[in-house]
Amino acid sequence: MRRAMKIGTVWLFVLVMMGFGYGAFGYWDAVRQSNEFIKRANALIVDGRGPNDLGTERLRQLILVQDPGYYDHHGVDLSTLGAGLTTVSQSVSKRLGFDEFRPGIGKIRQTGFALGLESQLSKEQILALFLDTVEMGRGADGWMTGFFHASERVYGRPPADLSDKEFHRLVAVMIAPGSFRLLNQDGSLDDRAARIARLVAGDCMPSDQRDVWLDGCALNVEPQQVVPFQSYSADRRL
């Protein structure tokens, strides 16, 4: 029995060290490529496709939905309401750090890569890369990648010039681009956009840390359960 426990402990230690090593590999891979990422991000910002080009209020709304603790974490957030298991930094790491991301052990390298990005790039640069690489679903000419690109293809205008409803639909599609339809009537997409509208207005809050679908902002939430949720200040700059 004791021998079995010792063997189990050894194997557990080996697995932990392997996981740590895989995460460290992701970290240093991000650091190694950081100059390339910085140049790419800066080019997007100069070209008018950076986060500040959304406008102050629109940027606040995007962050509140996608990663409400973005300015307070260093790549990982396991406590903020509505943050879920994937931060903006981890999301962009999945696209920059993998030829083909596979859940499970890939999450370890993804997290290491995100920590590496956070150590080398500014929050503004990471957001610029996120906006440029985020998948936005199917458009008239096929699959759309990039928030600014999708705004132009679907609405013919940049995000800063959209109506609130149009902007909320763009933000809403990010969570399930393969399921939602921006170009068609989509009740599920409209429902998520309505939840986002209530969230950014301060009329509701996510029910817990895992509530990325904003069930706490569903229309059937009882009024006494709704309290203002503020995690990002409108006057905060990148």
C-alpha atoms as a PDB file:
ATOM      1  CA  MET A   1       0.000   0.000   0.000  1.00  0.00           C
ATOM      2  CA  ARG A   2       2.750   2.434   0.982  1.00  0.00           C
ATOM      3  CA  ARG A   3       4.737   1.481  -2.097  1.00  0.00           C
ATOM      4  CA  ALA A   4       1.709   2.181  -4.300  1.00  0.00           C
ATOM      5  CA  MET A   5       1.239   5.562  -2.643  1.00  0.00           C
ATOM      6  CA  LYS A   6       4.900   6.435  -3.192  1.00  0.00           C
ATOM      7  CA  ILE A   7       4.680   5.453  -6.850  1.00  0.00           C
ATOM      8  CA  GLY A   8       1.496   7.495  -7.237  1.00  0.00           C
ATOM      9  CA  THR A   9       3.153  10.503  -5.609  1.00  0.00           C
ATOM     10  CA  VAL A  10       6.161  10.225  -7.909  1.00  0.00           C
ATOM     11  CA  TRP A  11       3.963  10.053 -10.999  1.00  0.00           C
ATOM     12  CA  LEU A  12       1.923  13.008  -9.797  1.00  0.00           C
ATOM     13  CA  PHE A  13       5.111  15.005  -9.313  1.00  0.00           C
ATOM     14  CA  VAL A  14       6.311  14.041 -12.794  1.00  0.00           C
ATOM     15  CA  LEU A  15       3.009  15.089 -14.360  1.00  0.00           C
ATOM     16  CA  VAL A  16       3.038  18.417 -12.519  1.00  0.00           C
ATOM     17  CA  MET A  17       6.586  19.127 -13.663  1.00  0.00           C
ATOM     18  CA  MET A  18       5.718  18.172 -17.236  1.00  0.00           C
ATOM     19  CA  GLY A  19       2.761  20.536 -17.154  1.00  0.00           C
ATOM     20  CA  PHE A  20       4.920  23.303 -15.716  1.00  0.00           C
ATOM     21  CA  GLY A  21       7.507  22.715 -18.427  1.00  0.00           C
ATOM     22  CA  TYR A  22       4.882  22.814 -21.169  1.00  0.00           C
ATOM     23  CA  GLY A  23       3.554  26.095 -19.805  1.00  0.00           C
ATOM     24  CA  ALA A  24       7.078  27.512 -19.577  1.00  0.00           C
ATOM     25  CA  PHE A  25       7.660  26.523 -23.190  1.00  0.00           C
ATOM     26  CA  GLY A  26       4.605  28.587 -24.166  1.00  0.00           C
ATOM     27  CA  TYR A  27       5.851  31.530 -22.105  1.00  0.00           C
ATOM     28  CA  TRP A  28       9.273  31.640 -23.720  1.00  0.00           C
ATOM     29  CA  ASP A  29       7.812  31.064 -27.166  1.00  0.00           C
ATOM     30  CA  ALA A  30       5.725  34.224 -26.724  1.00  0.00           C
ATOM     31  CA  VAL A  31       8.741  36.152 -25.438  1.00  0.00           C
ATOM     32  CA  ARG A  32      10.827  34.974 -28.379  1.00  0.00           C
ATOM     33  CA  GLN A  33       8.249  36.226 -30.880  1.00  0.00           C
ATOM     34  CA  SER A  34       7.351  39.376 -28.963  1.00  0.00           C
ATOM     35  CA  ASN A  35       9.153  41.830 -31.259  1.00  0.00           C
ATOM     36  CA  GLU A  36       7.165  40.525 -34.214  1.00  0.00           C
ATOM     37  CA  PHE A  37       3.914  40.810 -32.266  1.00  0.00           C
ATOM     38  CA  ILE A  38       4.762  44.339 -31.115  1.00  0.00           C
ATOM     39  CA  LYS A  39       5.414  45.478 -34.690  1.00  0.00           C
ATOM     40  CA  ARG A  40       2.176  43.919 -35.876  1.00  0.00           C
ATOM     41  CA  ALA A  41       0.165  45.490 -33.068  1.00  0.00           C
ATOM     42  CA  ASN A  42       1.710  48.919 -33.561  1.00  0.00           C
ATOM     43  CA  ALA A  43       0.944  48.772 -37.289  1.00  0.00           C
ATOM     44  CA  LEU A  44      -2.709  48.042 -36.497  1.00  0.00           C
ATOM     45  CA  ILE A  45      -2.855  50.950 -34.063  1.00  0.00           C
ATOM     46  CA  VAL A  46      -1.294  53.364 -36.570  1.00  0.00           C
ATOM     47  CA  ASP A  47      -3.746  52.127 -39.202  1.00  0.00           C
ATOM     48  CA  GLY A  48      -6.705  53.053 -37.006  1.00  0.00           C
ATOM     49  CA  ARG A  49      -7.580  49.507 -35.956  1.00  0.00           C
ATOM     50  CA  GLY A  50      -6.472  49.630 -32.341  1.00  0.00           C
ATOM     51  CA  PRO A  51      -8.702  49.436 -29.252  1.00  0.00           C
ATOM     52  CA  ASN A  52      -8.862  53.201 -28.765  1.00  0.00           C
ATOM     53  CA  ASP A  53     -10.372  53.511 -32.250  1.00  0.00           C
ATOM     54  CA  LEU A  54     -13.523  51.907 -30.886  1.00  0.00           C
ATOM     55  CA  GLY A  55     -14.110  55.035 -28.826  1.00  0.00           C
ATOM     56  CA  THR A  56     -13.910  55.250 -25.045  1.00  0.00           C
ATOM     57  CA  GLU A  57     -17.429  54.019 -24.300  1.00  0.00           C
ATOM     58  CA  ARG A  58     -17.375  51.223 -26.876  1.00  0.00           C
ATOM     59  CA  LEU A  59     -14.031  50.015 -25.549  1.00  0.00           C
ATOM     60  CA  ARG A  60     -15.448  49.994 -22.023  1.00  0.00           C
ATOM     61  CA  GLN A  61     -18.355  47.863 -23.195  1.00  0.00           C
ATOM     62  CA  LEU A  62     -16.159  45.402 -25.069  1.00  0.00           C
ATOM     63  CA  ILE A  63     -13.910  44.880 -22.056  1.00  0.00           C
ATOM     64  CA  LEU A  64     -16.855  44.543 -19.683  1.00  0.00           C
ATOM     65  CA  VAL A  65     -18.206  41.665 -21.770  1.00  0.00           C
ATOM     66  CA  GLN A  66     -15.034  39.918 -22.916  1.00  0.00           C
ATOM     67  CA  ASP A  67     -12.687  40.296 -19.955  1.00  0.00           C
ATOM     68  CA  PRO A  68     -13.961  42.535 -17.130  1.00  0.00           C
ATOM     69  CA  GLY A  69     -10.751  42.176 -15.122  1.00  0.00           C
ATOM     70  CA  TYR A  70      -8.473  42.795 -18.102  1.00  0.00           C
ATOM     71  CA  TYR A  71      -6.579  45.766 -16.693  1.00  0.00           C
ATOM     72  CA  ASP A  72      -6.048  44.113 -13.325  1.00  0.00           C
ATOM     73  CA  HIS A  73      -4.692  40.682 -14.294  1.00  0.00           C
ATOM     74  CA  HIS A  74      -1.494  39.526 -15.985  1.00  0.00           C
ATOM     75  CA  GLY A  75      -3.001  36.977 -18.337  1.00  0.00           C
ATOM     76  CA  VAL A  76      -5.124  34.796 -16.045  1.00  0.00           C
ATOM     77  CA  ASP A  77      -8.280  35.686 -14.108  1.00  0.00           C
ATOM     78  CA  LEU A  78     -10.060  33.120 -11.954  1.00  0.00           C
ATOM     79  CA  SER A  79     -12.036  35.472  -9.733  1.00  0.00           C
ATOM     80  CA  THR A  80     -13.763  38.323 -11.604  1.00  0.00           C
ATOM     81  CA  LEU A  81     -17.488  37.876 -12.208  1.00  0.00           C
ATOM     82  CA  GLY A  82     -18.154  36.877 -15.810  1.00  0.00           C
ATOM     83  CA  ALA A  83     -14.489  36.350 -16.643  1.00  0.00           C
ATOM     84  CA  GLY A  84     -14.800  32.637 -17.367  1.00  0.00           C
ATOM     85  CA  LEU A  85     -11.722  30.527 -17.992  1.00  0.00           C
ATOM     86  CA  THR A  86     -10.298  32.474 -20.947  1.00  0.00           C
ATOM     87  CA  THR A  87      -9.024  36.044 -20.775  1.00  0.00           C
ATOM     88  CA  VAL A  88      -8.416  38.285 -23.793  1.00  0.00           C
ATOM     89  CA  SER A  89      -4.711  37.474 -23.472  1.00  0.00           C
ATOM     90  CA  GLN A  90      -5.403  33.732 -23.469  1.00  0.00           C
ATOM     91  CA  SER A  91      -7.824  34.087 -26.365  1.00  0.00           C
ATOM     92  CA  VAL A  92      -5.303  35.811 -28.614  1.00  0.00           C
ATOM     93  CA  SER A  93      -2.647  33.316 -27.483  1.00  0.00           C
ATOM     94  CA  LYS A  94      -4.772  30.495 -28.868  1.00  0.00           C
ATOM     95  CA  ARG A  95      -4.551  32.099 -32.305  1.00  0.00           C
ATOM     96  CA  LEU A  96      -0.967  33.357 -32.210  1.00  0.00           C
ATOM     97  CA  GLY A  97       0.666  30.445 -30.424  1.00  0.00           C
ATOM     98  CA  PHE A  98      -0.876  27.405 -32.102  1.00  0.00           C
ATOM     99  CA  ASP A  99      -1.202  26.057 -35.619  1.00  0.00           C
ATOM    100  CA  GLU A 100      -4.165  24.080 -34.306  1.00  0.00           C
ATOM    101  CA  PHE A 101      -5.336  24.550 -30.742  1.00  0.00           C
ATOM    102  CA  ARG A 102      -6.560  21.474 -28.893  1.00  0.00           C
ATOM    103  CA  PRO A 103      -8.308  21.810 -25.528  1.00  0.00           C
ATOM    104  CA  GLY A 104      -6.969  20.007 -22.499  1.00  0.00           C
ATOM    105  CA  ILE A 105      -3.206  20.080 -22.240  1.00  0.00           C
ATOM    106  CA  GLY A 106      -3.160  22.860 -24.832  1.00  0.00           C
ATOM    107  CA  LYS A 107      -4.663  25.130 -22.167  1.00  0.00           C
ATOM    108  CA  ILE A 108      -1.408  24.885 -20.215  1.00  0.00           C
ATOM    109  CA  ARG A 109       0.699  26.158 -23.102  1.00  0.00           C
ATOM    110  CA  GLN A 110      -1.967  28.746 -23.931  1.00  0.00           C
ATOM    111  CA  THR A 111      -1.753  30.123 -20.402  1.00  0.00           C
ATOM    112  CA  GLY A 112       2.046  30.231 -20.497  1.00  0.00           C
ATOM    113  CA  PHE A 113       1.898  32.009 -23.850  1.00  0.00           C
ATOM    114  CA  ALA A 114      -0.557  34.558 -22.428  1.00  0.00           C
ATOM    115  CA  LEU A 115       1.747  35.264 -19.489  1.00  0.00           C
ATOM    116  CA  GLY A 116       4.592  35.745 -21.960  1.00  0.00           C
ATOM    117  CA  LEU A 117       2.565  38.229 -24.007  1.00  0.00           C
ATOM    118  CA  GLU A 118       1.629  40.149 -20.879  1.00  0.00           C
ATOM    119  CA  SER A 119       5.289  40.394 -19.883  1.00  0.00           C
ATOM    120  CA  GLN A 120       6.356  41.954 -23.188  1.00  0.00           C
ATOM    121  CA  LEU A 121       3.395  43.753 -24.764  1.00  0.00           C
ATOM    122  CA  SER A 122       1.218  46.583 -23.485  1.00  0.00           C
ATOM    123  CA  LYS A 123      -2.473  46.072 -22.828  1.00  0.00           C
ATOM    124  CA  GLU A 124      -3.206  48.220 -25.869  1.00  0.00           C
ATOM    125  CA  GLN A 125      -1.010  46.063 -28.108  1.00  0.00           C
ATOM    126  CA  ILE A 126      -2.566  42.813 -26.880  1.00  0.00           C
ATOM    127  CA  LEU A 127      -6.052  44.193 -27.483  1.00  0.00           C
ATOM    128  CA  ALA A 128      -5.079  45.318 -30.984  1.00  0.00           C
ATOM    129  CA  LEU A 129      -3.986  41.763 -31.801  1.00  0.00           C
ATOM    130  CA  PHE A 130      -7.151  40.376 -30.239  1.00  0.00           C
ATOM    131  CA  LEU A 131      -9.382  42.635 -32.334  1.00  0.00           C
ATOM    132  CA  ASP A 132      -7.467  41.719 -35.483  1.00  0.00           C
ATOM    133  CA  THR A 133      -7.597  37.949 -34.982  1.00  0.00           C
ATOM    134  CA  VAL A 134     -10.946  37.324 -33.292  1.00  0.00           C
ATOM    135  CA  GLU A 135     -13.287  35.078 -35.259  1.00  0.00           C
ATOM    136  CA  MET A 136     -16.561  36.786 -36.161  1.00  0.00           C
ATOM    137  CA  GLY A 137     -18.570  34.143 -37.960  1.00  0.00           C
ATOM    138  CA  ARG A 138     -19.816  33.865 -41.516  1.00  0.00           C
ATOM    139  CA  GLY A 139     -20.314  36.915 -43.700  1.00  0.00           C
ATOM    140  CA  ALA A 140     -21.521  37.412 -47.261  1.00  0.00           C
ATOM    141  CA  ASP A 141     -18.093  36.470 -48.643  1.00  0.00           C
ATOM    142  CA  GLY A 142     -17.276  33.656 -46.238  1.00  0.00           C
ATOM    143  CA  TRP A 143     -15.716  33.388 -42.799  1.00  0.00           C
ATOM    144  CA  MET A 144     -14.830  36.704 -41.153  1.00  0.00           C
ATOM    145  CA  THR A 145     -11.800  37.323 -38.966  1.00  0.00           C
ATOM    146  CA  GLY A 146     -11.213  40.603 -37.173  1.00  0.00           C
ATOM    147  CA  PHE A 147     -13.619  42.933 -35.363  1.00  0.00           C
ATOM    148  CA  PHE A 148     -13.035  45.943 -37.609  1.00  0.00           C
ATOM    149  CA  HIS A 149     -13.261  43.773 -40.723  1.00  0.00           C
ATOM    150  CA  ALA A 150     -16.585  42.295 -39.633  1.00  0.00           C
ATOM    151  CA  SER A 151     -17.981  45.740 -38.841  1.00  0.00           C
ATOM    152  CA  GLU A 152     -17.154  46.954 -42.348  1.00  0.00           C
ATOM    153  CA  ARG A 153     -18.413  43.791 -44.068  1.00  0.00           C
ATOM    154  CA  VAL A 154     -21.689  43.544 -42.166  1.00  0.00           C
ATOM    155  CA  TYR A 155     -22.601  47.179 -41.567  1.00  0.00           C
ATOM    156  CA  GLY A 156     -20.378  49.110 -43.968  1.00  0.00           C
ATOM    157  CA  ARG A 157     -19.012  51.280 -41.157  1.00  0.00           C
ATOM    158  CA  PRO A 158     -16.257  51.134 -38.512  1.00  0.00           C
ATOM    159  CA  PRO A 159     -17.273  50.090 -34.975  1.00  0.00           C
ATOM    160  CA  ALA A 160     -17.173  53.649 -33.618  1.00  0.00           C
ATOM    161  CA  ASP A 161     -19.917  54.658 -36.085  1.00  0.00           C
ATOM    162  CA  LEU A 162     -22.315  51.805 -35.337  1.00  0.00           C
ATOM    163  CA  SER A 163     -25.554  52.104 -33.418  1.00  0.00           C
ATOM    164  CA  ASP A 164     -25.593  50.574 -29.953  1.00  0.00           C
ATOM    165  CA  LYS A 165     -27.667  47.639 -31.213  1.00  0.00           C
ATOM    166  CA  GLU A 166     -25.260  46.954 -34.089  1.00  0.00           C
ATOM    167  CA  PHE A 167     -22.225  47.143 -31.830  1.00  0.00           C
ATOM    168  CA  HIS A 168     -23.774  44.841 -29.249  1.00  0.00           C
ATOM    169  CA  ARG A 169     -24.532  42.257 -31.934  1.00  0.00           C
ATOM    170  CA  LEU A 170     -20.887  42.337 -33.055  1.00  0.00           C
ATOM    171  CA  VAL A 171     -19.700  41.827 -29.491  1.00  0.00           C
ATOM    172  CA  ALA A 172     -22.322  39.144 -28.907  1.00  0.00           C
ATOM    173  CA  VAL A 173     -21.190  36.953 -31.799  1.00  0.00           C
ATOM    174  CA  MET A 174     -17.656  36.531 -30.420  1.00  0.00           C
ATOM    175  CA  ILE A 175     -18.597  33.845 -27.912  1.00  0.00           C
ATOM    176  CA  ALA A 176     -19.957  31.450 -30.557  1.00  0.00           C
ATOM    177  CA  PRO A 177     -19.055  32.659 -34.074  1.00  0.00           C
ATOM    178  CA  GLY A 178     -19.852  29.295 -35.587  1.00  0.00           C
ATOM    179  CA  SER A 179     -23.389  29.282 -34.195  1.00  0.00           C
ATOM    180  CA  PHE A 180     -24.606  32.873 -34.435  1.00  0.00           C
ATOM    181  CA  ARG A 181     -25.604  34.572 -37.705  1.00  0.00           C
ATOM    182  CA  LEU A 182     -24.913  38.286 -38.042  1.00  0.00           C
ATOM    183  CA  LEU A 183     -26.456  38.531 -41.508  1.00  0.00           C
ATOM    184  CA  ASN A 184     -29.738  36.821 -40.690  1.00  0.00           C
ATOM    185  CA  GLN A 185     -32.506  36.967 -38.138  1.00  0.00           C
ATOM    186  CA  ASP A 186     -31.103  35.148 -35.121  1.00  0.00           C
ATOM    187  CA  GLY A 187     -33.145  35.115 -31.940  1.00  0.00           C
ATOM    188  CA  SER A 188     -30.318  33.638 -29.872  1.00  0.00           C
ATOM    189  CA  LEU A 189     -27.927  36.356 -31.022  1.00  0.00           C
ATOM    190  CA  ASP A 190     -30.530  39.040 -30.312  1.00  0.00           C
ATOM    191  CA  ASP A 191     -31.030  37.620 -26.821  1.00  0.00           C
ATOM    192  CA  ARG A 192     -27.307  37.756 -26.062  1.00  0.00           C
ATOM    193  CA  ALA A 193     -27.089  41.294 -27.466  1.00  0.00           C
ATOM    194  CA  ALA A 194     -29.957  42.307 -25.171  1.00  0.00           C
ATOM    195  CA  ARG A 195     -28.117  40.833 -22.181  1.00  0.00           C
ATOM    196  CA  ILE A 196     -25.023  42.803 -23.164  1.00  0.00           C
ATOM    197  CA  ALA A 197     -27.091  45.994 -23.410  1.00  0.00           C
ATOM    198  CA  ARG A 198     -28.348  45.457 -19.860  1.00  0.00           C
ATOM    199  CA  LEU A 199     -24.841  44.682 -18.592  1.00  0.00           C
ATOM    200  CA  VAL A 200     -23.171  47.776 -20.050  1.00  0.00           C
ATOM    201  CA  ALA A 201     -26.039  49.948 -18.801  1.00  0.00           C
ATOM    202  CA  GLY A 202     -25.311  48.740 -15.268  1.00  0.00           C
ATOM    203  CA  ASP A 203     -28.719  47.091 -14.902  1.00  0.00           C
ATOM    204  CA  CYS A 204     -27.391  43.611 -14.113  1.00  0.00           C
ATOM    205  CA  MET A 205     -24.286  41.582 -13.378  1.00  0.00           C
ATOM    206  CA  PRO A 206     -22.952  38.097 -14.190  1.00  0.00           C
ATOM    207  CA  SER A 207     -24.179  35.497 -11.728  1.00  0.00           C
ATOM    208  CA  ASP A 208     -20.674  34.186 -10.980  1.00  0.00           C
ATOM    209  CA  GLN A 209     -17.140  33.933 -12.357  1.00  0.00           C
ATOM    210  CA  ARG A 210     -18.171  31.356 -14.967  1.00  0.00           C
ATOM    211  CA  ASP A 211     -21.192  33.284 -16.271  1.00  0.00           C
ATOM    212  CA  VAL A 212     -19.783  34.179 -19.689  1.00  0.00           C
ATOM    213  CA  TRP A 213     -23.250  33.742 -21.228  1.00  0.00           C
ATOM    214  CA  LEU A 214     -24.546  36.467 -18.894  1.00  0.00           C
ATOM    215  CA  ASP A 215     -27.385  34.436 -17.439  1.00  0.00           C
ATOM    216  CA  GLY A 216     -27.430  37.005 -14.661  1.00  0.00           C
ATOM    217  CA  CYS A 217     -28.587  39.521 -17.276  1.00  0.00           C
ATOM    218  CA  ALA A 218     -31.372  37.419 -18.788  1.00  0.00           C
ATOM    219  CA  LEU A 219     -34.702  39.202 -19.093  1.00  0.00           C
ATOM    220  CA  ASN A 220     -36.334  36.795 -16.632  1.00  0.00           C
ATOM    221  CA  VAL A 221     -33.994  37.764 -13.771  1.00  0.00           C
ATOM    222  CA  GLU A 222     -36.035  39.097 -10.866  1.00  0.00           C
ATOM    223  CA  PRO A 223     -35.453  42.828 -10.196  1.00  0.00           C
ATOM    224  CA  GLN A 224     -34.334  42.254  -6.599  1.00  0.00           C
ATOM    225  CA  GLN A 225     -31.513  40.035  -7.879  1.00  0.00           C
ATOM    226  CA  VAL A 226     -30.086  42.713 -10.149  1.00  0.00           C
ATOM    227  CA  VAL A 227     -27.378  45.027  -8.836  1.00  0.00           C
ATOM    228  CA  PRO A 228     -25.090  47.392 -10.765  1.00  0.00           C
ATOM    229  CA  PHE A 229     -21.915  45.778 -12.031  1.00  0.00           C
ATOM    230  CA  GLN A 230     -18.887  47.981 -12.657  1.00  0.00           C
ATOM    231  CA  SER A 231     -15.444  46.531 -13.324  1.00  0.00           C
ATOM    232  CA  TYR A 232     -14.049  49.031 -15.790  1.00  0.00           C
ATOM    233  CA  SER A 233     -13.886  52.794 -15.499  1.00  0.00           C
ATOM    234  CA  ALA A 234     -14.799  54.779 -18.607  1.00  0.00           C
ATOM    235  CA  ASP A 235     -11.954  57.223 -17.998  1.00  0.00           C
ATOM    236  CA  ARG A 236      -9.345  54.477 -17.756  1.00  0.00           C
ATOM    237  CA  ARG A 237      -6.805  54.474 -20.586  1.00  0.00           C
ATOM    238  CA  LEU A 238      -4.706  51.688 -22.078  1.00  0.00           C
END
